[in-house]
Protein backbone atom coordinates (compact mmCIF):
# COMPACT_ATOMS: atom_id res chain seq x y z
CA MET A 1 -20.60 -29.74 -57.58
CA ASN A 2 -23.60 -27.71 -58.78
CA TYR A 3 -24.68 -24.69 -56.78
CA SER A 4 -27.40 -22.09 -57.08
CA ILE A 5 -27.21 -18.51 -55.87
CA SER A 6 -29.68 -15.79 -54.94
CA VAL A 7 -28.96 -12.07 -54.71
CA ILE A 8 -31.11 -10.32 -52.11
CA VAL A 9 -31.65 -6.62 -52.79
CA PRO A 10 -33.71 -4.50 -50.35
CA CYS A 11 -35.18 -1.42 -52.03
CA TYR A 12 -36.71 1.75 -50.61
CA ASN A 13 -37.26 4.61 -53.05
CA GLU A 14 -34.50 3.44 -55.38
CA ASP A 15 -36.01 4.30 -58.78
CA LYS A 16 -32.93 6.29 -59.78
CA VAL A 17 -30.58 3.31 -59.37
CA LEU A 18 -32.71 0.23 -60.00
CA LEU A 19 -32.08 -0.25 -63.70
CA GLU A 20 -28.33 0.25 -63.32
CA CYS A 21 -28.35 -2.14 -60.36
CA TYR A 22 -30.29 -4.76 -62.33
CA ASN A 23 -28.04 -4.48 -65.40
CA ARG A 24 -24.82 -4.80 -63.38
CA LEU A 25 -26.17 -7.72 -61.39
CA LYS A 26 -27.32 -9.58 -64.52
CA THR A 27 -23.98 -8.95 -66.23
CA THR A 28 -22.10 -10.27 -63.22
CA LEU A 29 -24.33 -13.31 -62.69
CA ALA A 30 -24.02 -14.20 -66.40
CA THR A 31 -20.32 -14.89 -65.79
CA LEU A 32 -21.13 -17.58 -63.22
CA GLU A 33 -21.73 -21.21 -63.98
CA TYR A 34 -24.48 -21.43 -61.35
CA PRO A 35 -28.25 -20.97 -61.75
CA SER A 36 -29.09 -17.60 -60.26
CA GLU A 37 -31.96 -15.37 -59.25
CA ILE A 38 -32.38 -11.85 -57.94
CA ILE A 39 -34.88 -11.21 -55.12
CA PHE A 40 -35.88 -7.57 -54.90
CA ILE A 41 -37.75 -6.56 -51.74
CA ASN A 42 -39.79 -3.41 -52.26
CA ASP A 43 -39.91 -1.97 -48.74
CA GLY A 44 -42.92 0.30 -49.14
CA SER A 45 -41.34 2.61 -51.71
CA GLN A 46 -43.24 5.82 -52.55
CA ASP A 47 -41.54 6.55 -55.89
CA ASP A 48 -41.51 4.52 -59.15
CA THR A 49 -39.61 1.60 -57.63
CA SER A 50 -42.67 -0.66 -57.76
CA LYS A 51 -43.38 0.09 -61.44
CA ILE A 52 -39.79 -0.55 -62.45
CA LEU A 53 -39.61 -3.82 -60.53
CA THR A 54 -42.88 -5.09 -61.98
CA SER A 55 -41.68 -4.28 -65.48
CA LEU A 56 -38.41 -6.11 -64.90
CA ALA A 57 -40.20 -9.13 -63.46
CA LYS A 58 -42.44 -9.41 -66.53
CA ASP A 59 -39.49 -9.52 -68.90
CA ASP A 60 -37.17 -11.64 -66.74
CA LYS A 61 -38.59 -14.59 -64.79
CA SER A 62 -35.35 -14.97 -62.80
CA ILE A 63 -36.32 -11.72 -61.09
CA LYS A 64 -38.51 -12.22 -58.02
CA ILE A 65 -40.29 -9.39 -56.27
CA ILE A 66 -41.56 -9.18 -52.71
CA THR A 67 -43.64 -6.05 -52.05
CA PHE A 68 -44.36 -4.97 -48.48
CA SER A 69 -47.66 -3.35 -47.48
CA ARG A 70 -45.67 -0.40 -46.09
CA ASN A 71 -42.14 0.54 -45.12
CA PHE A 72 -40.93 -1.91 -42.45
CA GLY A 73 -37.21 -1.14 -42.61
CA HIS A 74 -34.01 -2.43 -44.16
CA GLN A 75 -33.44 -5.31 -41.74
CA LYS A 76 -36.99 -6.59 -42.26
CA ALA A 77 -36.49 -6.47 -46.02
CA VAL A 78 -33.28 -8.51 -45.80
CA THR A 79 -35.06 -10.95 -43.48
CA ALA A 80 -37.83 -11.41 -46.05
CA GLY A 81 -35.25 -12.13 -48.71
CA LEU A 82 -33.56 -14.81 -46.62
CA ASN A 83 -36.93 -16.26 -45.60
CA ASN A 84 -37.86 -16.69 -49.27
CA CYS A 85 -34.46 -17.78 -50.57
CA ARG A 86 -34.23 -21.38 -51.79
CA SER A 87 -30.72 -21.33 -53.28
CA ASP A 88 -27.53 -22.88 -51.90
CA MET A 89 -25.95 -19.46 -51.44
CA ALA A 90 -27.19 -15.90 -51.05
CA VAL A 91 -25.57 -12.49 -51.43
CA ILE A 92 -27.03 -9.57 -49.48
CA ILE A 93 -26.41 -6.27 -51.29
CA ASP A 94 -27.99 -2.81 -51.32
CA ALA A 95 -29.42 -1.33 -54.51
CA ASP A 96 -27.40 1.90 -54.31
CA LEU A 97 -24.28 0.23 -55.85
CA GLN A 98 -21.96 1.36 -53.09
CA ASP A 99 -21.16 -2.32 -52.78
CA PRO A 100 -20.03 -3.34 -56.29
CA PRO A 101 -21.93 -6.38 -57.71
CA GLU A 102 -18.79 -7.24 -59.70
CA LEU A 103 -17.21 -8.55 -56.50
CA ILE A 104 -19.68 -11.44 -56.24
CA PRO A 105 -17.61 -13.99 -58.24
CA THR A 106 -14.53 -13.27 -56.11
CA MET A 107 -16.62 -13.62 -52.96
CA ILE A 108 -17.83 -17.03 -54.12
CA LYS A 109 -14.26 -18.11 -54.86
CA THR A 110 -13.20 -16.93 -51.39
CA LEU A 111 -16.02 -18.96 -49.83
CA HIS A 112 -15.02 -22.14 -51.64
CA ASP A 113 -11.25 -21.70 -51.30
CA ASN A 114 -11.61 -21.34 -47.53
CA ASP A 115 -14.33 -23.97 -47.18
CA ALA A 116 -16.27 -21.25 -45.35
CA ASN A 117 -19.93 -20.59 -44.67
CA VAL A 118 -19.83 -16.79 -44.65
CA VAL A 119 -17.79 -14.19 -46.50
CA TYR A 120 -18.34 -10.84 -44.79
CA CYS A 121 -17.12 -7.73 -46.58
CA VAL A 122 -14.88 -5.29 -44.69
CA ARG A 123 -14.68 -1.70 -45.92
CA ILE A 124 -11.13 -0.44 -46.18
CA ASN A 125 -12.34 2.82 -47.72
CA ARG A 126 -15.72 4.58 -47.99
CA LYS A 127 -15.85 6.84 -51.04
CA GLY A 128 -18.34 9.69 -51.25
CA GLU A 129 -18.89 9.89 -47.47
CA GLY A 130 -17.88 12.77 -45.25
CA PHE A 131 -15.71 12.66 -42.16
CA PHE A 132 -18.72 12.85 -39.83
CA LYS A 133 -20.42 9.80 -41.41
CA LYS A 134 -17.19 7.77 -41.41
CA PHE A 135 -16.44 8.72 -37.81
CA ASN A 136 -19.95 7.76 -36.67
CA ALA A 137 -19.71 4.42 -38.43
CA LYS A 138 -16.36 3.56 -36.89
CA LEU A 139 -17.58 4.65 -33.45
CA PHE A 140 -20.75 2.59 -33.77
CA TYR A 141 -19.00 -0.69 -34.61
CA ARG A 142 -16.45 -0.33 -31.83
CA PHE A 143 -19.02 0.79 -29.30
CA LEU A 144 -21.27 -2.18 -30.12
CA ASN A 145 -18.30 -4.56 -30.02
CA PHE A 146 -17.38 -3.30 -26.56
CA PHE A 147 -20.81 -4.13 -25.19
CA SER A 148 -21.40 -7.33 -27.19
CA GLU A 149 -20.93 -10.76 -25.63
CA ILE A 150 -19.37 -12.04 -28.84
CA LYS A 151 -16.73 -10.41 -31.04
CA LEU A 152 -18.32 -8.72 -34.06
CA PRO A 153 -16.35 -7.78 -37.20
CA VAL A 154 -15.83 -4.03 -37.41
CA ASP A 155 -16.33 -1.82 -40.48
CA THR A 156 -18.74 -4.28 -42.04
CA GLY A 157 -22.29 -3.87 -43.32
CA ASP A 158 -24.85 -6.38 -44.50
CA PHE A 159 -22.94 -6.95 -47.77
CA ARG A 160 -21.93 -10.59 -47.47
CA LEU A 161 -22.23 -14.06 -48.94
CA VAL A 162 -23.86 -16.82 -46.86
CA ASP A 163 -24.41 -20.49 -47.58
CA ARG A 164 -27.44 -22.70 -46.95
CA ASN A 165 -26.30 -23.60 -43.42
CA ILE A 166 -26.42 -19.94 -42.41
CA ILE A 167 -29.70 -19.31 -44.20
CA ARG A 168 -31.32 -22.30 -42.50
CA GLU A 169 -30.18 -21.31 -39.02
CA PHE A 170 -31.01 -17.64 -39.53
CA ASN A 171 -34.56 -18.51 -40.54
CA ARG A 172 -34.99 -20.31 -37.22
CA LEU A 173 -34.39 -17.10 -35.25
CA SER A 174 -37.67 -15.65 -34.05
CA GLU A 175 -36.81 -12.20 -32.62
CA LYS A 176 -38.55 -9.30 -34.29
CA ARG A 177 -35.93 -6.52 -34.35
CA LYS A 178 -33.06 -8.30 -35.99
CA TYR A 179 -29.54 -6.94 -36.20
CA ILE A 180 -28.67 -9.19 -39.12
CA ARG A 181 -24.91 -8.77 -39.35
CA GLY A 182 -24.65 -9.49 -35.62
CA LEU A 183 -26.96 -12.50 -35.78
CA ILE A 184 -25.05 -14.05 -38.67
CA THR A 185 -21.88 -13.71 -36.59
CA TRP A 186 -23.70 -15.23 -33.59
CA VAL A 187 -24.82 -18.26 -35.67
CA GLY A 188 -21.18 -19.30 -35.98
CA PHE A 189 -19.71 -21.72 -38.54
CA LYS A 190 -16.65 -20.63 -40.48
CA GLN A 191 -16.64 -16.96 -41.43
CA VAL A 192 -13.88 -15.18 -43.36
CA PRO A 193 -13.32 -11.49 -44.25
CA PHE A 194 -13.19 -10.00 -47.74
CA TYR A 195 -11.63 -6.54 -47.98
CA TYR A 196 -12.88 -4.02 -50.54
CA GLU A 197 -13.30 -0.35 -51.28
CA ARG A 198 -16.84 0.90 -50.97
CA GLU A 199 -17.96 3.12 -53.85
CA ALA A 200 -19.89 6.37 -53.71
CA ARG A 201 -23.65 6.07 -54.03
CA PHE A 202 -24.64 5.82 -57.73
CA ALA A 203 -27.67 8.12 -57.35
CA GLY A 204 -30.34 9.18 -54.89
CA GLU A 205 -29.99 9.87 -51.20
CA THR A 206 -28.87 7.77 -48.25
CA LYS A 207 -31.64 5.94 -46.41
CA TYR A 208 -29.67 6.11 -43.14
CA PRO A 209 -29.51 9.72 -41.88
CA LEU A 210 -28.13 10.39 -38.40
CA SER A 211 -31.50 9.91 -36.66
CA LYS A 212 -31.98 6.48 -38.22
CA MET A 213 -28.40 5.51 -37.43
CA ILE A 214 -28.96 6.36 -33.77
CA ARG A 215 -32.19 4.32 -33.61
CA PHE A 216 -30.49 1.43 -35.41
CA ALA A 217 -27.54 1.56 -33.02
CA ALA A 218 -29.81 1.61 -29.96
CA SER A 219 -31.90 -1.28 -31.27
CA SER A 220 -28.79 -3.30 -32.13
CA LEU A 221 -27.30 -2.71 -28.69
CA LEU A 222 -30.41 -3.56 -26.72
CA TYR A 223 -31.26 -6.63 -28.76
CA PHE A 224 -27.74 -7.97 -28.92
CA SER A 225 -26.25 -7.31 -25.50
CA THR A 226 -27.23 -7.38 -21.84
CA LYS A 227 -24.16 -5.42 -20.78
CA PRO A 228 -26.08 -2.12 -20.44
CA LEU A 229 -28.16 -3.78 -17.73
CA ARG A 230 -25.06 -4.88 -15.91
CA LEU A 231 -23.60 -1.39 -16.38
CA ALA A 232 -26.71 0.11 -14.83
CA THR A 233 -26.36 -2.25 -11.87
CA THR A 234 -22.72 -1.28 -11.49
CA LEU A 235 -23.58 2.41 -11.52
CA GLY A 236 -26.18 1.73 -8.86
CA PHE A 237 -23.66 0.02 -6.60
CA ILE A 238 -21.12 2.83 -7.15
CA SER A 239 -23.77 5.39 -6.25
CA VAL A 240 -24.62 3.51 -3.03
CA PHE A 241 -20.93 3.25 -2.17
CA PHE A 242 -20.35 6.98 -2.57
CA SER A 243 -23.51 7.73 -0.66
CA ILE A 244 -22.25 5.67 2.29
CA ILE A 245 -18.87 7.40 2.14
CA MET A 246 -20.49 10.83 2.12
CA ALA A 247 -22.81 9.84 5.01
CA LEU A 248 -19.89 8.62 7.10
CA TRP A 249 -17.86 11.73 6.26
CA SER A 250 -20.76 13.94 7.37
CA LEU A 251 -21.37 11.93 10.56
CA PHE A 252 -17.74 12.00 11.70
CA GLY A 253 -17.52 15.64 10.67
CA LYS A 254 -20.29 16.44 13.13
CA ILE A 255 -18.61 14.41 15.86
CA PHE A 256 -15.11 15.76 15.40
CA GLY A 257 -16.11 19.21 14.29
CA TYR A 258 -14.49 19.48 10.85
CA THR A 259 -17.83 20.20 9.13
CA HIS A 260 -20.35 22.96 9.74
CA SER A 261 -24.10 22.89 9.39
CA ASP A 262 -24.13 25.98 7.21
CA SER A 263 -21.61 24.64 4.66
CA GLY A 264 -21.67 21.96 1.99
CA TRP A 265 -24.69 23.10 0.01
CA THR A 266 -22.83 22.92 -3.31
CA SER A 267 -21.58 19.39 -2.76
CA LEU A 268 -25.06 18.33 -1.57
CA PHE A 269 -26.67 19.81 -4.66
CA VAL A 270 -24.16 18.11 -7.01
CA ALA A 271 -24.62 14.79 -5.20
CA ILE A 272 -28.41 14.93 -5.55
CA ILE A 273 -28.16 15.68 -9.27
CA PHE A 274 -25.55 12.95 -9.82
CA PHE A 275 -27.41 10.18 -8.02
CA GLY A 276 -30.73 11.28 -9.44
CA GLY A 277 -29.20 11.15 -12.92
CA VAL A 278 -27.82 7.66 -12.30
CA GLN A 279 -31.27 6.49 -11.21
CA LEU A 280 -32.93 7.98 -14.29
CA VAL A 281 -30.35 6.43 -16.63
CA THR A 282 -30.79 3.07 -14.94
CA ILE A 283 -34.57 3.27 -15.16
CA GLY A 284 -34.28 4.31 -18.81
CA ILE A 285 -32.09 1.33 -19.70
CA VAL A 286 -34.39 -1.11 -17.90
CA GLY A 287 -37.38 0.54 -19.56
CA ALA A 288 -35.82 0.10 -23.01
CA TYR A 289 -35.35 -3.63 -22.39
CA ILE A 290 -38.93 -3.89 -21.12
CA GLY A 291 -40.11 -2.12 -24.25
CA ASN A 292 -38.28 -4.67 -26.39
CA LEU A 293 -39.90 -7.49 -24.39
CA PHE A 294 -43.27 -5.84 -24.99
CA ASP A 295 -42.63 -5.86 -28.74
CA GLU A 296 -41.66 -9.55 -28.67
CA ILE A 297 -44.64 -10.59 -26.50
CA LYS A 298 -47.09 -9.00 -28.98
CA ASN A 299 -45.75 -11.51 -31.50
CA ARG A 300 -46.68 -9.44 -34.52
CA PRO A 301 -45.20 -10.50 -37.87
CA GLU A 302 -41.93 -8.82 -38.76
CA TYR A 303 -43.36 -7.64 -42.05
CA ILE A 304 -46.53 -7.90 -44.13
CA VAL A 305 -46.29 -8.93 -47.80
CA GLU A 306 -48.70 -7.21 -50.17
CA LYS A 307 -47.75 -9.33 -53.15
CA LYS A 308 -45.12 -11.58 -54.64
CA GLU A 309 -44.11 -11.84 -58.27
CA ASN A 310 -42.48 -14.77 -60.08
CA PHE A 311 -42.52 -16.97 -57.00
CA VAL A 312 -43.75 -20.54 -57.38
CA ASP A 313 -45.54 -21.97 -54.33
């Protein structure tokens, strides 16, 4: 059976790695018997990424370029790639070469051997990353899995192979702040793991510092789980319960004389702070969900394309 494959590569300020990424991808794809294309998404880069991509697209018509009007973010870039992919299969891979392109043929074989729809890549080792980054990543996946309504694979990124069934269903999803690896899991079908060692970044700097990781984690949690709302409700009920207990304890203390009017200021102060904190946390969680609803109701496009190169309408 004949297949075609697209490789989706989001790029943001990747001029130091682009040529190496292109060369390794082309070398790998040349070993396949399938027609192939590479879709680079220029996510508002401020360096020479745009010039390099345009030059590559002129010399190689199998290279397709989508250029955003500004930086919209990694998940929007991957979404644009999937929206514009017309192949039977697609690989999502970052340009920094931490995820080796040479694994693509083995991933395709794994997909076919298991008659699967998704091959998601699980990191058994993360070279070139410090303890703090590794610890945060492990904590994030397990924290999100605890709150998620469905079981999500841990220690995985967006590096994966998906077939046309997944691409078609993904493109039907209309939410704006997508957590792509979670949504692909949510779509269902048969999904199998592929274990690999993640390489150190070829060049340049990470595009996910701690601040971005925190925002990404918060967005993923709020858009992919309603458990925080239920947790806030539970905290509210617990607070009410303890308030009733304390009220009864104070009332009977007055009646039976085991409390005194001039005592208990410390416990009262702690109780006020505790219950006030619970209320603020609850309001904050509800406010975050309302903010997400506000973003969805505005119905703005997920991204704005400045130009496309080598696409045929």
